[in-house]
Amino acid sequence: MFFTGPLTGTKIGSGIFSVVSKGATTGLAGASQANGFLELSKVCGFDGIIIQGRAKQWSYLTSTTTRQKIRSAGDLVGKDTWETEDAIKRD
């Protein structure tokens, strides 16, 4: 689950978001907060995104105001953070 704060994406807000997930080995909940561009989900009309299940292959989610799509990320495996971000932006 990915959730943004109430001020995310506004002129006075920040790019803070929270991620909560179930641990694959323990089954316990884990949570984290970070800064980044999840505020773009607000532009698409979402306060949060819940993903259920597990992908059979490496993948990532893209979202626009009219469409959401799960895309293959096999070509991103082994890239560092900056290389991954650049490749997704180019795509």
N, C-alpha and C. Protein backbone atom coordinates (compact mmCIF):
# COMPACT_ATOMS: atom_id res chain seq x y z
N MET A 1 0.84 -1.16 0.00
CA MET A 1 0.00 0.00 0.00
C MET A 1 0.90 1.23 0.00
N PHE A 2 0.61 2.15 -0.90
CA PHE A 2 1.34 3.41 -1.02
C PHE A 2 0.34 4.53 -0.77
N PHE A 3 0.62 5.39 0.19
CA PHE A 3 -0.31 6.48 0.50
C PHE A 3 0.43 7.80 0.64
N THR A 4 -0.17 8.86 0.11
CA THR A 4 0.40 10.20 0.20
C THR A 4 -0.27 10.95 1.34
N GLY A 5 0.37 12.01 1.79
CA GLY A 5 -0.20 12.86 2.83
C GLY A 5 -1.22 13.82 2.25
N PRO A 6 -2.03 14.45 3.10
CA PRO A 6 -3.09 15.35 2.62
C PRO A 6 -2.57 16.60 1.90
N LEU A 7 -1.34 17.01 2.17
CA LEU A 7 -0.79 18.20 1.52
C LEU A 7 0.15 17.87 0.36
N THR A 8 0.34 16.59 0.10
CA THR A 8 1.22 16.17 -0.98
C THR A 8 0.70 16.69 -2.31
N GLY A 9 1.59 17.25 -3.11
CA GLY A 9 1.22 17.76 -4.42
C GLY A 9 0.66 19.17 -4.41
N THR A 10 0.55 19.78 -3.21
CA THR A 10 0.08 21.16 -3.13
C THR A 10 1.30 22.08 -3.02
N LYS A 11 1.07 23.37 -3.14
CA LYS A 11 2.17 24.33 -3.04
C LYS A 11 2.78 24.37 -1.65
N ILE A 12 2.00 24.01 -0.63
CA ILE A 12 2.53 24.03 0.74
C ILE A 12 2.92 22.65 1.23
N GLY A 13 2.64 21.62 0.46
CA GLY A 13 2.91 20.25 0.88
C GLY A 13 4.29 19.78 0.49
N SER A 14 4.55 18.55 0.81
CA SER A 14 5.84 17.94 0.49
C SER A 14 5.61 16.65 -0.28
N GLY A 15 6.66 16.01 -0.66
CA GLY A 15 6.55 14.76 -1.40
C GLY A 15 6.64 13.55 -0.49
N ILE A 16 6.20 13.66 0.75
CA ILE A 16 6.29 12.55 1.69
C ILE A 16 5.20 11.53 1.39
N PHE A 17 5.59 10.25 1.41
CA PHE A 17 4.61 9.18 1.25
C PHE A 17 4.97 8.03 2.17
N SER A 18 3.98 7.18 2.43
CA SER A 18 4.18 6.01 3.29
C SER A 18 3.92 4.74 2.48
N VAL A 19 4.68 3.71 2.82
CA VAL A 19 4.51 2.41 2.18
C VAL A 19 4.34 1.39 3.30
N VAL A 20 3.30 0.58 3.22
CA VAL A 20 3.05 -0.48 4.19
C VAL A 20 2.93 -1.78 3.42
N SER A 21 3.61 -2.82 3.88
CA SER A 21 3.51 -4.11 3.19
C SER A 21 3.61 -5.25 4.18
N LYS A 22 3.25 -6.43 3.70
CA LYS A 22 3.34 -7.65 4.48
C LYS A 22 4.65 -8.33 4.13
N GLY A 23 5.43 -8.65 5.15
CA GLY A 23 6.72 -9.28 4.92
C GLY A 23 6.56 -10.67 4.31
N ALA A 24 7.35 -10.96 3.30
CA ALA A 24 7.27 -12.24 2.60
C ALA A 24 7.68 -13.42 3.48
N THR A 25 8.62 -13.22 4.38
CA THR A 25 9.09 -14.32 5.21
C THR A 25 8.41 -14.40 6.57
N THR A 26 8.02 -13.24 7.13
CA THR A 26 7.43 -13.24 8.47
C THR A 26 5.92 -13.12 8.46
N GLY A 27 5.36 -12.53 7.40
CA GLY A 27 3.92 -12.29 7.36
C GLY A 27 3.49 -11.10 8.21
N LEU A 28 4.47 -10.41 8.80
CA LEU A 28 4.17 -9.24 9.64
C LEU A 28 4.16 -7.98 8.79
N ALA A 29 3.46 -6.96 9.28
CA ALA A 29 3.41 -5.69 8.58
C ALA A 29 4.69 -4.90 8.79
N GLY A 30 5.12 -4.23 7.75
CA GLY A 30 6.27 -3.34 7.81
C GLY A 30 5.87 -2.01 7.20
N ALA A 31 6.43 -0.93 7.71
CA ALA A 31 6.06 0.39 7.20
C ALA A 31 7.30 1.25 7.04
N SER A 32 7.23 2.17 6.09
CA SER A 32 8.33 3.09 5.85
C SER A 32 7.77 4.40 5.30
N GLN A 33 8.49 5.48 5.51
CA GLN A 33 8.13 6.77 4.93
C GLN A 33 9.32 7.27 4.13
N ALA A 34 9.02 7.98 3.06
CA ALA A 34 10.09 8.50 2.21
C ALA A 34 9.63 9.77 1.52
N ASN A 35 10.56 10.44 0.90
CA ASN A 35 10.26 11.60 0.06
C ASN A 35 10.48 11.19 -1.38
N GLY A 36 9.68 11.72 -2.28
CA GLY A 36 9.86 11.39 -3.68
C GLY A 36 8.71 11.88 -4.52
N PHE A 37 8.53 11.28 -5.68
CA PHE A 37 7.56 11.76 -6.65
C PHE A 37 6.26 10.98 -6.65
N LEU A 38 5.92 10.29 -5.56
CA LEU A 38 4.62 9.63 -5.48
C LEU A 38 3.52 10.69 -5.48
N GLU A 39 3.90 11.95 -5.25
CA GLU A 39 2.92 13.04 -5.32
C GLU A 39 2.27 13.09 -6.69
N LEU A 40 2.93 12.52 -7.69
CA LEU A 40 2.33 12.49 -9.02
C LEU A 40 1.06 11.67 -9.04
N SER A 41 0.91 10.74 -8.08
CA SER A 41 -0.33 9.98 -8.01
C SER A 41 -1.50 10.92 -7.69
N LYS A 42 -1.23 11.99 -6.94
CA LYS A 42 -2.27 12.98 -6.64
C LYS A 42 -2.75 13.66 -7.92
N VAL A 43 -1.82 13.94 -8.83
CA VAL A 43 -2.17 14.55 -10.10
C VAL A 43 -3.10 13.62 -10.89
N CYS A 44 -2.92 12.33 -10.73
CA CYS A 44 -3.76 11.34 -11.42
C CYS A 44 -5.06 11.07 -10.66
N GLY A 45 -5.23 11.70 -9.50
CA GLY A 45 -6.47 11.56 -8.76
C GLY A 45 -6.47 10.50 -7.68
N PHE A 46 -5.30 10.02 -7.27
CA PHE A 46 -5.21 8.96 -6.26
C PHE A 46 -4.58 9.48 -4.98
N ASP A 47 -5.17 9.16 -3.83
CA ASP A 47 -4.55 9.43 -2.54
C ASP A 47 -3.71 8.25 -2.10
N GLY A 48 -4.01 7.09 -2.65
CA GLY A 48 -3.29 5.88 -2.30
C GLY A 48 -3.43 4.84 -3.38
N ILE A 49 -2.51 3.89 -3.36
CA ILE A 49 -2.52 2.79 -4.31
C ILE A 49 -2.32 1.50 -3.52
N ILE A 50 -3.20 0.55 -3.71
CA ILE A 50 -3.08 -0.75 -3.05
C ILE A 50 -2.84 -1.80 -4.12
N ILE A 51 -1.77 -2.55 -3.98
CA ILE A 51 -1.44 -3.61 -4.92
C ILE A 51 -1.54 -4.93 -4.16
N GLN A 52 -2.32 -5.85 -4.70
CA GLN A 52 -2.49 -7.16 -4.05
C GLN A 52 -1.84 -8.24 -4.90
N GLY A 53 -1.33 -9.24 -4.21
CA GLY A 53 -0.72 -10.36 -4.91
C GLY A 53 0.74 -10.13 -5.22
N ARG A 54 1.26 -10.99 -6.08
CA ARG A 54 2.68 -10.93 -6.42
C ARG A 54 2.83 -11.15 -7.91
N ALA A 55 3.67 -10.36 -8.53
CA ALA A 55 3.92 -10.49 -9.96
C ALA A 55 4.77 -11.73 -10.23
N LYS A 56 4.57 -12.34 -11.38
CA LYS A 56 5.35 -13.51 -11.77
C LYS A 56 6.73 -13.11 -12.29
N GLN A 57 6.87 -11.85 -12.66
CA GLN A 57 8.14 -11.34 -13.17
C GLN A 57 8.36 -9.93 -12.64
N TRP A 58 9.57 -9.40 -12.79
CA TRP A 58 9.87 -8.04 -12.36
C TRP A 58 8.95 -7.10 -13.13
N SER A 59 8.32 -6.17 -12.41
CA SER A 59 7.37 -5.26 -13.05
C SER A 59 7.26 -3.95 -12.26
N TYR A 60 6.65 -2.95 -12.91
CA TYR A 60 6.38 -1.69 -12.23
C TYR A 60 5.05 -1.14 -12.74
N LEU A 61 4.48 -0.22 -11.97
CA LEU A 61 3.18 0.34 -12.27
C LEU A 61 3.33 1.76 -12.81
N THR A 62 2.66 2.05 -13.91
CA THR A 62 2.57 3.43 -14.40
C THR A 62 1.12 3.88 -14.29
N SER A 63 0.93 5.17 -14.13
CA SER A 63 -0.42 5.68 -13.95
C SER A 63 -0.55 7.05 -14.59
N THR A 64 -1.67 7.27 -15.27
CA THR A 64 -2.03 8.58 -15.79
C THR A 64 -3.43 8.88 -15.29
N THR A 65 -3.98 10.01 -15.68
CA THR A 65 -5.33 10.35 -15.24
C THR A 65 -6.38 9.43 -15.84
N THR A 66 -6.05 8.72 -16.90
CA THR A 66 -7.04 7.87 -17.56
C THR A 66 -6.68 6.39 -17.59
N ARG A 67 -5.45 6.03 -17.21
CA ARG A 67 -5.04 4.63 -17.40
C ARG A 67 -3.95 4.23 -16.41
N GLN A 68 -4.04 2.99 -15.94
CA GLN A 68 -3.00 2.40 -15.12
C GLN A 68 -2.50 1.17 -15.86
N LYS A 69 -1.19 0.92 -15.76
CA LYS A 69 -0.63 -0.21 -16.50
C LYS A 69 0.53 -0.81 -15.72
N ILE A 70 0.57 -2.12 -15.69
CA ILE A 70 1.72 -2.83 -15.11
C ILE A 70 2.63 -3.20 -16.27
N ARG A 71 3.88 -2.78 -16.18
CA ARG A 71 4.84 -2.97 -17.27
C ARG A 71 5.97 -3.88 -16.83
N SER A 72 6.57 -4.54 -17.78
CA SER A 72 7.71 -5.42 -17.51
C SER A 72 8.92 -4.59 -17.10
N ALA A 73 9.63 -5.05 -16.07
CA ALA A 73 10.82 -4.36 -15.60
C ALA A 73 12.05 -5.24 -15.70
N GLY A 74 11.97 -6.31 -16.49
CA GLY A 74 13.10 -7.22 -16.64
C GLY A 74 14.36 -6.53 -17.11
N ASP A 75 14.21 -5.52 -17.97
CA ASP A 75 15.38 -4.80 -18.48
C ASP A 75 15.98 -3.84 -17.45
N LEU A 76 15.31 -3.65 -16.33
CA LEU A 76 15.81 -2.75 -15.29
C LEU A 76 16.61 -3.47 -14.21
N VAL A 77 16.52 -4.79 -14.18
CA VAL A 77 17.22 -5.57 -13.16
C VAL A 77 18.73 -5.34 -13.29
N GLY A 78 19.36 -5.01 -12.18
CA GLY A 78 20.80 -4.78 -12.15
C GLY A 78 21.19 -3.32 -12.31
N LYS A 79 20.25 -2.47 -12.67
CA LYS A 79 20.54 -1.04 -12.79
C LYS A 79 20.49 -0.39 -11.41
N ASP A 80 21.25 0.70 -11.24
CA ASP A 80 21.16 1.42 -9.98
C ASP A 80 19.94 2.36 -10.01
N THR A 81 19.72 3.09 -8.93
CA THR A 81 18.54 3.94 -8.80
C THR A 81 18.44 4.97 -9.92
N TRP A 82 19.56 5.64 -10.22
CA TRP A 82 19.55 6.70 -11.23
C TRP A 82 19.33 6.12 -12.63
N GLU A 83 19.97 5.00 -12.94
CA GLU A 83 19.78 4.37 -14.24
C GLU A 83 18.33 3.91 -14.42
N THR A 84 17.75 3.36 -13.35
CA THR A 84 16.35 2.91 -13.40
C THR A 84 15.42 4.08 -13.64
N GLU A 85 15.61 5.16 -12.89
CA GLU A 85 14.76 6.34 -13.05
C GLU A 85 14.87 6.90 -14.47
N ASP A 86 16.08 7.01 -14.99
CA ASP A 86 16.27 7.52 -16.34
C ASP A 86 15.59 6.63 -17.38
N ALA A 87 15.72 5.32 -17.23
CA ALA A 87 15.11 4.38 -18.19
C ALA A 87 13.60 4.47 -18.16
N ILE A 88 13.01 4.58 -16.97
CA ILE A 88 11.54 4.67 -16.88
C ILE A 88 11.07 6.01 -17.45
N LYS A 89 11.78 7.08 -17.19
CA LYS A 89 11.39 8.37 -17.75
C LYS A 89 11.47 8.36 -19.28
N ARG A 90 12.50 7.72 -19.84
CA ARG A 90 12.62 7.63 -21.29
C ARG A 90 11.45 6.83 -21.88
N ASP A 91 11.07 5.77 -21.18
CA ASP A 91 9.99 4.89 -21.65
C ASP A 91 8.66 5.61 -21.59
